[in-house]
Amino acid sequence: MDVRPAIQRQYHAAMAMMRQTIERCPDQVWTSGEHPRTYWRIAYHAAAYAHLYLYESLDTIEKWDKARVECTYLDGEVDEAEAYSKQDMLDYVDLIVACIDERIDRLDFANPHCGYSWYPEVSQFELMILSLRHLHGHIGQLHETLIAHGQDVDWMGQINMNG
């Protein structure tokens, strides 16, 4: 059984939900939250790691031209930073969505090493599952914040971008 189409559909569905958490976020909520876990920074963190884990390693990623590594961290000694605009984040989501199918097709799911030193015992296949769990955990955080402000996000079971 080829699991790639299922992983691709789930990545697309997760990114569609991520898009909604950005689009439906009231402007006053976008920069709210206690540093470093502001709404915009959680959205960026989740998107940045979803993008990163579509690549074999840090050395192979095709970075977003507006990427700011320092904004990916949500704990520890983290400097405050200017928020990405909602439009910048929507553009980033579009970039990620555009590369999902090709990137997943290129990954070696038989590789016992994911390529990231902070996960020394995680295979490339398991990293895809981990990445989806991570992404949905943060989508859940953002979604709960939206609900508290009278907004909601539609559940996406799967999205097939290949027709």
N, C-alpha and C. Protein backbone atom coordinates (compact mmCIF):
# COMPACT_ATOMS: atom_id res chain seq x y z
N MET A 1 0.84 -1.18 0.00
CA MET A 1 0.00 0.00 0.00
C MET A 1 0.89 1.25 0.00
N ASP A 2 0.61 2.16 -0.90
CA ASP A 2 1.34 3.42 -0.96
C ASP A 2 0.62 4.43 -0.06
N VAL A 3 1.31 4.85 0.99
CA VAL A 3 0.70 5.77 1.96
C VAL A 3 0.84 7.24 1.56
N ARG A 4 1.63 7.51 0.53
CA ARG A 4 1.89 8.89 0.15
C ARG A 4 0.62 9.69 -0.16
N PRO A 5 -0.32 9.15 -0.94
CA PRO A 5 -1.54 9.94 -1.21
C PRO A 5 -2.30 10.32 0.07
N ALA A 6 -2.33 9.41 1.04
CA ALA A 6 -3.02 9.71 2.29
C ALA A 6 -2.29 10.81 3.06
N ILE A 7 -0.97 10.73 3.13
CA ILE A 7 -0.20 11.77 3.81
C ILE A 7 -0.39 13.11 3.10
N GLN A 8 -0.37 13.10 1.77
CA GLN A 8 -0.57 14.33 1.01
C GLN A 8 -1.94 14.94 1.28
N ARG A 9 -2.98 14.11 1.25
CA ARG A 9 -4.34 14.61 1.51
C ARG A 9 -4.45 15.22 2.91
N GLN A 10 -3.83 14.56 3.89
CA GLN A 10 -3.89 15.07 5.26
C GLN A 10 -3.09 16.35 5.42
N TYR A 11 -1.96 16.45 4.75
CA TYR A 11 -1.19 17.70 4.79
C TYR A 11 -2.01 18.84 4.17
N HIS A 12 -2.64 18.57 3.02
CA HIS A 12 -3.47 19.59 2.38
C HIS A 12 -4.64 20.01 3.29
N ALA A 13 -5.27 19.04 3.93
CA ALA A 13 -6.39 19.36 4.82
C ALA A 13 -5.91 20.19 6.00
N ALA A 14 -4.79 19.82 6.57
CA ALA A 14 -4.25 20.58 7.71
C ALA A 14 -3.91 22.01 7.29
N MET A 15 -3.30 22.16 6.13
CA MET A 15 -2.94 23.50 5.68
C MET A 15 -4.18 24.33 5.32
N ALA A 16 -5.24 23.68 4.86
CA ALA A 16 -6.50 24.40 4.60
C ALA A 16 -7.07 24.92 5.92
N MET A 17 -6.97 24.10 6.96
CA MET A 17 -7.44 24.55 8.27
C MET A 17 -6.54 25.65 8.82
N MET A 18 -5.23 25.54 8.60
CA MET A 18 -4.31 26.59 9.02
C MET A 18 -4.68 27.91 8.33
N ARG A 19 -4.98 27.83 7.05
CA ARG A 19 -5.37 29.03 6.29
C ARG A 19 -6.59 29.68 6.96
N GLN A 20 -7.57 28.88 7.36
CA GLN A 20 -8.76 29.43 8.01
C GLN A 20 -8.41 30.12 9.32
N THR A 21 -7.47 29.56 10.10
CA THR A 21 -7.11 30.19 11.39
C THR A 21 -6.48 31.56 11.17
N ILE A 22 -5.89 31.76 10.00
CA ILE A 22 -5.30 33.06 9.68
C ILE A 22 -6.36 33.99 9.12
N GLU A 23 -7.11 33.52 8.13
CA GLU A 23 -8.13 34.35 7.49
C GLU A 23 -9.19 34.83 8.46
N ARG A 24 -9.60 33.98 9.38
CA ARG A 24 -10.73 34.29 10.26
C ARG A 24 -10.31 34.96 11.57
N CYS A 25 -9.02 35.18 11.72
CA CYS A 25 -8.52 35.80 12.95
C CYS A 25 -8.83 37.29 12.94
N PRO A 26 -9.57 37.77 13.94
CA PRO A 26 -9.80 39.22 14.04
C PRO A 26 -8.47 39.96 14.19
N ASP A 27 -8.38 41.12 13.60
CA ASP A 27 -7.12 41.88 13.62
C ASP A 27 -6.58 42.09 15.02
N GLN A 28 -7.45 42.37 15.98
CA GLN A 28 -7.00 42.63 17.35
C GLN A 28 -6.47 41.37 18.03
N VAL A 29 -6.82 40.21 17.52
CA VAL A 29 -6.36 38.94 18.09
C VAL A 29 -5.02 38.54 17.48
N TRP A 30 -4.76 38.94 16.25
CA TRP A 30 -3.56 38.52 15.52
C TRP A 30 -2.27 38.74 16.32
N THR A 31 -2.16 39.85 16.98
CA THR A 31 -0.95 40.15 17.75
C THR A 31 -1.14 39.94 19.25
N SER A 32 -2.27 39.37 19.64
CA SER A 32 -2.55 39.17 21.06
C SER A 32 -1.87 37.91 21.58
N GLY A 33 -1.90 37.78 22.88
CA GLY A 33 -1.28 36.63 23.54
C GLY A 33 -0.03 37.09 24.26
N GLU A 34 0.41 36.25 25.16
CA GLU A 34 1.60 36.57 25.95
C GLU A 34 2.85 36.10 25.23
N HIS A 35 3.81 37.02 25.06
CA HIS A 35 5.07 36.69 24.40
C HIS A 35 5.73 35.51 25.10
N PRO A 36 6.28 34.56 24.39
CA PRO A 36 6.40 34.50 22.94
C PRO A 36 5.26 33.74 22.25
N ARG A 37 4.22 33.43 22.98
CA ARG A 37 3.13 32.64 22.39
C ARG A 37 1.98 33.53 21.94
N THR A 38 2.32 34.50 21.12
CA THR A 38 1.29 35.34 20.51
C THR A 38 0.64 34.55 19.38
N TYR A 39 -0.55 34.96 19.03
CA TYR A 39 -1.30 34.24 18.00
C TYR A 39 -0.50 34.12 16.71
N TRP A 40 0.02 35.24 16.20
CA TRP A 40 0.75 35.21 14.92
C TRP A 40 1.98 34.32 15.00
N ARG A 41 2.64 34.33 16.16
CA ARG A 41 3.89 33.55 16.29
C ARG A 41 3.59 32.05 16.34
N ILE A 42 2.50 31.67 16.97
CA ILE A 42 2.10 30.26 16.96
C ILE A 42 1.79 29.83 15.53
N ALA A 43 1.07 30.68 14.78
CA ALA A 43 0.76 30.36 13.38
C ALA A 43 2.04 30.21 12.56
N TYR A 44 2.98 31.12 12.75
CA TYR A 44 4.24 31.03 12.00
C TYR A 44 5.03 29.79 12.39
N HIS A 45 5.14 29.54 13.68
CA HIS A 45 5.85 28.36 14.18
C HIS A 45 5.30 27.08 13.55
N ALA A 46 3.99 26.94 13.58
CA ALA A 46 3.35 25.74 13.03
C ALA A 46 3.60 25.62 11.54
N ALA A 47 3.45 26.70 10.81
CA ALA A 47 3.67 26.67 9.35
C ALA A 47 5.14 26.40 9.03
N ALA A 48 6.04 27.04 9.75
CA ALA A 48 7.47 26.89 9.47
C ALA A 48 7.93 25.45 9.65
N TYR A 49 7.46 24.79 10.70
CA TYR A 49 7.85 23.39 10.90
C TYR A 49 7.14 22.46 9.92
N ALA A 50 5.89 22.77 9.57
CA ALA A 50 5.21 21.96 8.54
C ALA A 50 5.99 22.04 7.23
N HIS A 51 6.49 23.21 6.91
CA HIS A 51 7.30 23.41 5.71
C HIS A 51 8.63 22.68 5.82
N LEU A 52 9.33 22.90 6.93
CA LEU A 52 10.64 22.28 7.15
C LEU A 52 10.58 20.76 6.99
N TYR A 53 9.60 20.14 7.61
CA TYR A 53 9.56 18.68 7.64
C TYR A 53 9.14 18.05 6.31
N LEU A 54 8.85 18.87 5.32
CA LEU A 54 8.65 18.35 3.97
C LEU A 54 9.98 18.13 3.25
N TYR A 55 11.06 18.49 3.89
CA TYR A 55 12.41 18.37 3.32
C TYR A 55 13.22 17.34 4.09
N GLU A 56 14.26 16.86 3.44
CA GLU A 56 15.09 15.80 4.02
C GLU A 56 15.94 16.28 5.18
N SER A 57 16.28 17.57 5.21
CA SER A 57 17.13 18.11 6.27
C SER A 57 17.14 19.63 6.19
N LEU A 58 17.77 20.24 7.18
CA LEU A 58 17.93 21.70 7.16
C LEU A 58 18.70 22.17 5.93
N ASP A 59 19.60 21.32 5.46
CA ASP A 59 20.44 21.69 4.31
C ASP A 59 19.68 21.70 2.99
N THR A 60 18.56 21.02 2.92
CA THR A 60 17.85 20.89 1.64
C THR A 60 16.63 21.79 1.49
N ILE A 61 16.21 22.44 2.58
CA ILE A 61 14.98 23.24 2.52
C ILE A 61 15.14 24.44 1.59
N GLU A 62 14.10 24.70 0.83
CA GLU A 62 14.01 25.91 0.02
C GLU A 62 13.23 26.91 0.87
N LYS A 63 13.97 27.81 1.50
CA LYS A 63 13.39 28.72 2.48
C LYS A 63 12.46 29.75 1.84
N TRP A 64 11.46 30.12 2.60
CA TRP A 64 10.57 31.23 2.27
C TRP A 64 11.41 32.50 2.32
N ASP A 65 11.24 33.38 1.38
CA ASP A 65 12.08 34.58 1.32
C ASP A 65 11.87 35.54 2.50
N LYS A 66 10.79 35.36 3.24
CA LYS A 66 10.54 36.21 4.42
C LYS A 66 10.78 35.46 5.73
N ALA A 67 11.39 34.28 5.65
CA ALA A 67 11.60 33.46 6.85
C ALA A 67 12.49 34.18 7.85
N ARG A 68 12.09 34.07 9.12
CA ARG A 68 12.89 34.60 10.23
C ARG A 68 13.00 33.49 11.26
N VAL A 69 14.14 32.84 11.28
CA VAL A 69 14.35 31.68 12.15
C VAL A 69 14.02 32.02 13.60
N GLU A 70 14.39 33.22 14.03
CA GLU A 70 14.17 33.59 15.42
C GLU A 70 12.68 33.61 15.79
N CYS A 71 11.82 33.68 14.83
CA CYS A 71 10.37 33.70 15.11
C CYS A 71 9.77 32.30 15.18
N THR A 72 10.55 31.29 14.93
CA THR A 72 10.00 29.93 14.98
C THR A 72 9.92 29.38 16.40
N TYR A 73 10.62 29.99 17.33
CA TYR A 73 10.70 29.46 18.70
C TYR A 73 9.58 30.02 19.57
N LEU A 74 9.01 29.14 20.39
CA LEU A 74 7.91 29.53 21.26
C LEU A 74 8.26 29.48 22.74
N ASP A 75 9.48 29.07 23.07
CA ASP A 75 9.87 29.05 24.47
C ASP A 75 11.35 29.33 24.60
N GLY A 76 11.78 29.50 25.84
CA GLY A 76 13.17 29.86 26.09
C GLY A 76 13.34 31.36 25.99
N GLU A 77 14.58 31.78 25.88
CA GLU A 77 14.91 33.20 25.74
C GLU A 77 14.66 33.62 24.30
N VAL A 78 13.49 34.18 24.04
CA VAL A 78 13.07 34.55 22.70
C VAL A 78 12.81 36.05 22.65
N ASP A 79 13.48 36.73 21.75
CA ASP A 79 13.26 38.16 21.60
C ASP A 79 11.91 38.42 20.96
N GLU A 80 11.32 39.55 21.31
CA GLU A 80 10.10 39.96 20.65
C GLU A 80 10.45 40.38 19.23
N ALA A 81 9.50 40.23 18.34
CA ALA A 81 9.73 40.55 16.93
C ALA A 81 8.46 41.15 16.35
N GLU A 82 8.64 41.88 15.26
CA GLU A 82 7.49 42.44 14.56
C GLU A 82 6.67 41.30 13.97
N ALA A 83 5.37 41.39 14.13
CA ALA A 83 4.47 40.33 13.64
C ALA A 83 4.47 40.28 12.12
N TYR A 84 4.41 39.07 11.59
CA TYR A 84 4.11 38.92 10.17
C TYR A 84 2.69 39.42 9.95
N SER A 85 2.42 39.97 8.80
CA SER A 85 1.05 40.34 8.48
C SER A 85 0.26 39.07 8.17
N LYS A 86 -1.05 39.18 8.27
CA LYS A 86 -1.89 38.04 7.90
C LYS A 86 -1.67 37.68 6.43
N GLN A 87 -1.52 38.68 5.57
CA GLN A 87 -1.29 38.40 4.15
C GLN A 87 0.04 37.68 3.94
N ASP A 88 1.08 38.08 4.65
CA ASP A 88 2.36 37.36 4.56
C ASP A 88 2.18 35.90 4.93
N MET A 89 1.44 35.65 5.99
CA MET A 89 1.23 34.26 6.43
C MET A 89 0.39 33.49 5.43
N LEU A 90 -0.60 34.14 4.83
CA LEU A 90 -1.39 33.45 3.80
C LEU A 90 -0.52 33.13 2.59
N ASP A 91 0.38 34.03 2.24
CA ASP A 91 1.31 33.76 1.15
C ASP A 91 2.21 32.57 1.49
N TYR A 92 2.64 32.50 2.75
CA TYR A 92 3.49 31.38 3.18
C TYR A 92 2.72 30.06 3.11
N VAL A 93 1.48 30.08 3.57
CA VAL A 93 0.63 28.88 3.48
C VAL A 93 0.52 28.45 2.02
N ASP A 94 0.30 29.39 1.11
CA ASP A 94 0.21 29.05 -0.32
C ASP A 94 1.50 28.43 -0.84
N LEU A 95 2.64 28.95 -0.41
CA LEU A 95 3.93 28.38 -0.81
C LEU A 95 4.04 26.93 -0.34
N ILE A 96 3.67 26.69 0.90
CA ILE A 96 3.74 25.33 1.45
C ILE A 96 2.80 24.40 0.70
N VAL A 97 1.57 24.83 0.51
CA VAL A 97 0.58 24.00 -0.19
C VAL A 97 1.07 23.64 -1.59
N ALA A 98 1.70 24.59 -2.27
CA ALA A 98 2.17 24.35 -3.63
C ALA A 98 3.26 23.29 -3.71
N CYS A 99 3.96 23.05 -2.62
CA CYS A 99 5.06 22.08 -2.69
C CYS A 99 4.76 20.75 -2.00
N ILE A 100 3.61 20.61 -1.36
CA ILE A 100 3.30 19.41 -0.58
C ILE A 100 3.45 18.13 -1.40
N ASP A 101 2.75 18.03 -2.51
CA ASP A 101 2.74 16.76 -3.26
C ASP A 101 4.12 16.40 -3.78
N GLU A 102 4.81 17.35 -4.38
CA GLU A 102 6.15 17.08 -4.91
C GLU A 102 7.11 16.69 -3.80
N ARG A 103 7.09 17.42 -2.69
CA ARG A 103 8.02 17.13 -1.60
C ARG A 103 7.75 15.76 -1.00
N ILE A 104 6.51 15.43 -0.75
CA ILE A 104 6.20 14.12 -0.16
C ILE A 104 6.57 13.01 -1.13
N ASP A 105 6.36 13.22 -2.42
CA ASP A 105 6.77 12.22 -3.41
C ASP A 105 8.27 11.97 -3.39
N ARG A 106 9.05 12.98 -3.02
CA ARG A 106 10.51 12.87 -3.05
C ARG A 106 11.10 12.27 -1.78
N LEU A 107 10.35 12.23 -0.70
CA LEU A 107 10.88 11.72 0.57
C LEU A 107 11.08 10.21 0.52
N ASP A 108 12.11 9.75 1.19
CA ASP A 108 12.41 8.32 1.26
C ASP A 108 11.82 7.77 2.55
N PHE A 109 10.61 7.25 2.46
CA PHE A 109 9.93 6.74 3.65
C PHE A 109 10.60 5.51 4.25
N ALA A 110 11.50 4.88 3.52
CA ALA A 110 12.24 3.74 4.05
C ALA A 110 13.46 4.18 4.87
N ASN A 111 13.80 5.46 4.82
CA ASN A 111 14.96 5.97 5.54
C ASN A 111 14.68 5.94 7.05
N PRO A 112 15.51 5.22 7.81
CA PRO A 112 15.28 5.13 9.25
C PRO A 112 15.64 6.41 10.01
N HIS A 113 16.25 7.38 9.32
CA HIS A 113 16.64 8.64 9.95
C HIS A 113 15.94 9.79 9.23
N CYS A 114 15.28 10.63 9.99
CA CYS A 114 14.49 11.72 9.39
C CYS A 114 15.34 12.86 8.86
N GLY A 115 16.58 12.97 9.30
CA GLY A 115 17.46 14.04 8.83
C GLY A 115 17.55 15.23 9.76
N TYR A 116 16.89 15.17 10.92
CA TYR A 116 16.92 16.27 11.87
C TYR A 116 17.52 15.78 13.19
N SER A 117 18.59 16.43 13.63
CA SER A 117 19.36 15.97 14.80
C SER A 117 18.53 15.93 16.07
N TRP A 118 17.50 16.76 16.18
CA TRP A 118 16.69 16.77 17.39
C TRP A 118 15.72 15.59 17.45
N TYR A 119 15.67 14.79 16.38
CA TYR A 119 14.87 13.57 16.36
C TYR A 119 15.76 12.42 15.87
N PRO A 120 16.76 12.01 16.67
CA PRO A 120 17.73 11.03 16.19
C PRO A 120 17.17 9.64 15.91
N GLU A 121 16.04 9.30 16.49
CA GLU A 121 15.50 7.95 16.31
C GLU A 121 14.17 7.95 15.56
N VAL A 122 13.89 9.02 14.84
CA VAL A 122 12.64 9.14 14.09
C VAL A 122 12.91 8.91 12.61
N SER A 123 12.15 7.99 12.01
CA SER A 123 12.31 7.71 10.58
C SER A 123 11.67 8.82 9.76
N GLN A 124 11.97 8.83 8.47
CA GLN A 124 11.37 9.82 7.57
C GLN A 124 9.85 9.67 7.54
N PHE A 125 9.37 8.44 7.53
CA PHE A 125 7.92 8.22 7.53
C PHE A 125 7.28 8.70 8.83
N GLU A 126 7.89 8.34 9.96
CA GLU A 126 7.34 8.76 11.24
C GLU A 126 7.34 10.28 11.37
N LEU A 127 8.33 10.94 10.76
CA LEU A 127 8.37 12.41 10.81
C LEU A 127 7.13 13.01 10.16
N MET A 128 6.60 12.37 9.13
CA MET A 128 5.38 12.89 8.50
C MET A 128 4.21 12.84 9.47
N ILE A 129 4.12 11.76 10.23
CA ILE A 129 3.04 11.64 11.22
C ILE A 129 3.26 12.65 12.34
N LEU A 130 4.49 12.76 12.82
CA LEU A 130 4.84 13.72 13.85
C LEU A 130 4.51 15.14 13.39
N SER A 131 4.86 15.46 12.15
CA SER A 131 4.61 16.80 11.62
C SER A 131 3.12 17.12 11.58
N LEU A 132 2.32 16.17 11.15
CA LEU A 132 0.87 16.39 11.14
C LEU A 132 0.31 16.56 12.55
N ARG A 133 0.81 15.77 13.50
CA ARG A 133 0.37 15.93 14.90
C ARG A 133 0.74 17.31 15.42
N HIS A 134 1.98 17.73 15.13
CA HIS A 134 2.45 19.04 15.57
C HIS A 134 1.59 20.15 14.97
N LEU A 135 1.37 20.08 13.67
CA LEU A 135 0.59 21.09 12.98
C LEU A 135 -0.82 21.17 13.56
N HIS A 136 -1.46 20.03 13.74
CA HIS A 136 -2.83 20.04 14.27
C HIS A 136 -2.90 20.46 15.73
N GLY A 137 -1.86 20.18 16.50
CA GLY A 137 -1.84 20.67 17.88
C GLY A 137 -1.91 22.18 17.92
N HIS A 138 -1.12 22.82 17.06
CA HIS A 138 -1.13 24.29 17.04
C HIS A 138 -2.39 24.85 16.36
N ILE A 139 -2.89 24.16 15.36
CA ILE A 139 -4.17 24.58 14.78
C ILE A 139 -5.25 24.56 15.86
N GLY A 140 -5.21 23.55 16.71
CA GLY A 140 -6.15 23.47 17.82
C GLY A 140 -6.03 24.66 18.77
N GLN A 141 -4.79 25.06 19.08
CA GLN A 141 -4.59 26.24 19.93
C GLN A 141 -5.21 27.47 19.29
N LEU A 142 -4.89 27.67 18.03
CA LEU A 142 -5.40 28.84 17.31
C LEU A 142 -6.92 28.81 17.20
N HIS A 143 -7.45 27.62 16.94
CA HIS A 143 -8.90 27.44 16.81
C HIS A 143 -9.60 27.80 18.11
N GLU A 144 -9.08 27.34 19.23
CA GLU A 144 -9.70 27.65 20.53
C GLU A 144 -9.69 29.15 20.80
N THR A 145 -8.61 29.82 20.41
CA THR A 145 -8.55 31.28 20.57
C THR A 145 -9.63 31.93 19.70
N LEU A 146 -9.78 31.44 18.48
CA LEU A 146 -10.82 32.00 17.60
C LEU A 146 -12.21 31.79 18.19
N ILE A 147 -12.49 30.60 18.70
CA ILE A 147 -13.79 30.32 19.29
C ILE A 147 -14.08 31.30 20.43
N ALA A 148 -13.06 31.59 21.24
CA ALA A 148 -13.23 32.54 22.35
C ALA A 148 -13.54 33.95 21.85
N HIS A 149 -13.26 34.20 20.57
CA HIS A 149 -13.53 35.51 19.97
C HIS A 149 -14.64 35.45 18.92
N GLY A 150 -15.49 34.42 19.02
CA GLY A 150 -16.68 34.35 18.17
C GLY A 150 -16.45 33.87 16.75
N GLN A 151 -15.30 33.28 16.48
CA GLN A 151 -15.00 32.74 15.15
C GLN A 151 -14.86 31.23 15.24
N ASP A 152 -14.91 30.57 14.09
CA ASP A 152 -14.77 29.12 14.07
C ASP A 152 -14.00 28.71 12.82
N VAL A 153 -13.55 27.48 12.81
CA VAL A 153 -12.80 26.90 11.70
C VAL A 153 -13.54 25.65 11.26
N ASP A 154 -13.64 25.43 9.96
CA ASP A 154 -14.29 24.23 9.43
C ASP A 154 -13.35 23.05 9.48
N TRP A 155 -13.86 21.90 9.91
CA TRP A 155 -13.07 20.67 9.91
C TRP A 155 -12.88 20.18 8.49
N MET A 156 -11.68 19.79 8.17
CA MET A 156 -11.36 19.22 6.85
C MET A 156 -10.90 17.79 7.07
N GLY A 157 -11.66 16.81 6.59
CA GLY A 157 -11.29 15.41 6.74
C GLY A 157 -10.13 15.02 5.84
N GLN A 158 -10.19 15.50 4.60
CA GLN A 158 -9.12 15.27 3.65
C GLN A 158 -9.35 16.18 2.45
N ILE A 159 -8.27 16.47 1.77
CA ILE A 159 -8.34 17.24 0.53
C ILE A 159 -7.44 16.54 -0.47
N ASN A 160 -8.01 16.21 -1.62
CA ASN A 160 -7.24 15.56 -2.67
C ASN A 160 -6.91 16.61 -3.73
N MET A 161 -5.66 17.00 -3.78
CA MET A 161 -5.24 18.03 -4.73
C MET A 161 -4.85 17.45 -6.09
N ASN A 162 -4.77 16.13 -6.18
CA ASN A 162 -4.37 15.49 -7.44
C ASN A 162 -5.55 15.13 -8.33
N GLY A 163 -6.74 15.54 -7.96
CA GLY A 163 -7.91 15.27 -8.81
C GLY A 163 -8.62 14.08 -8.49
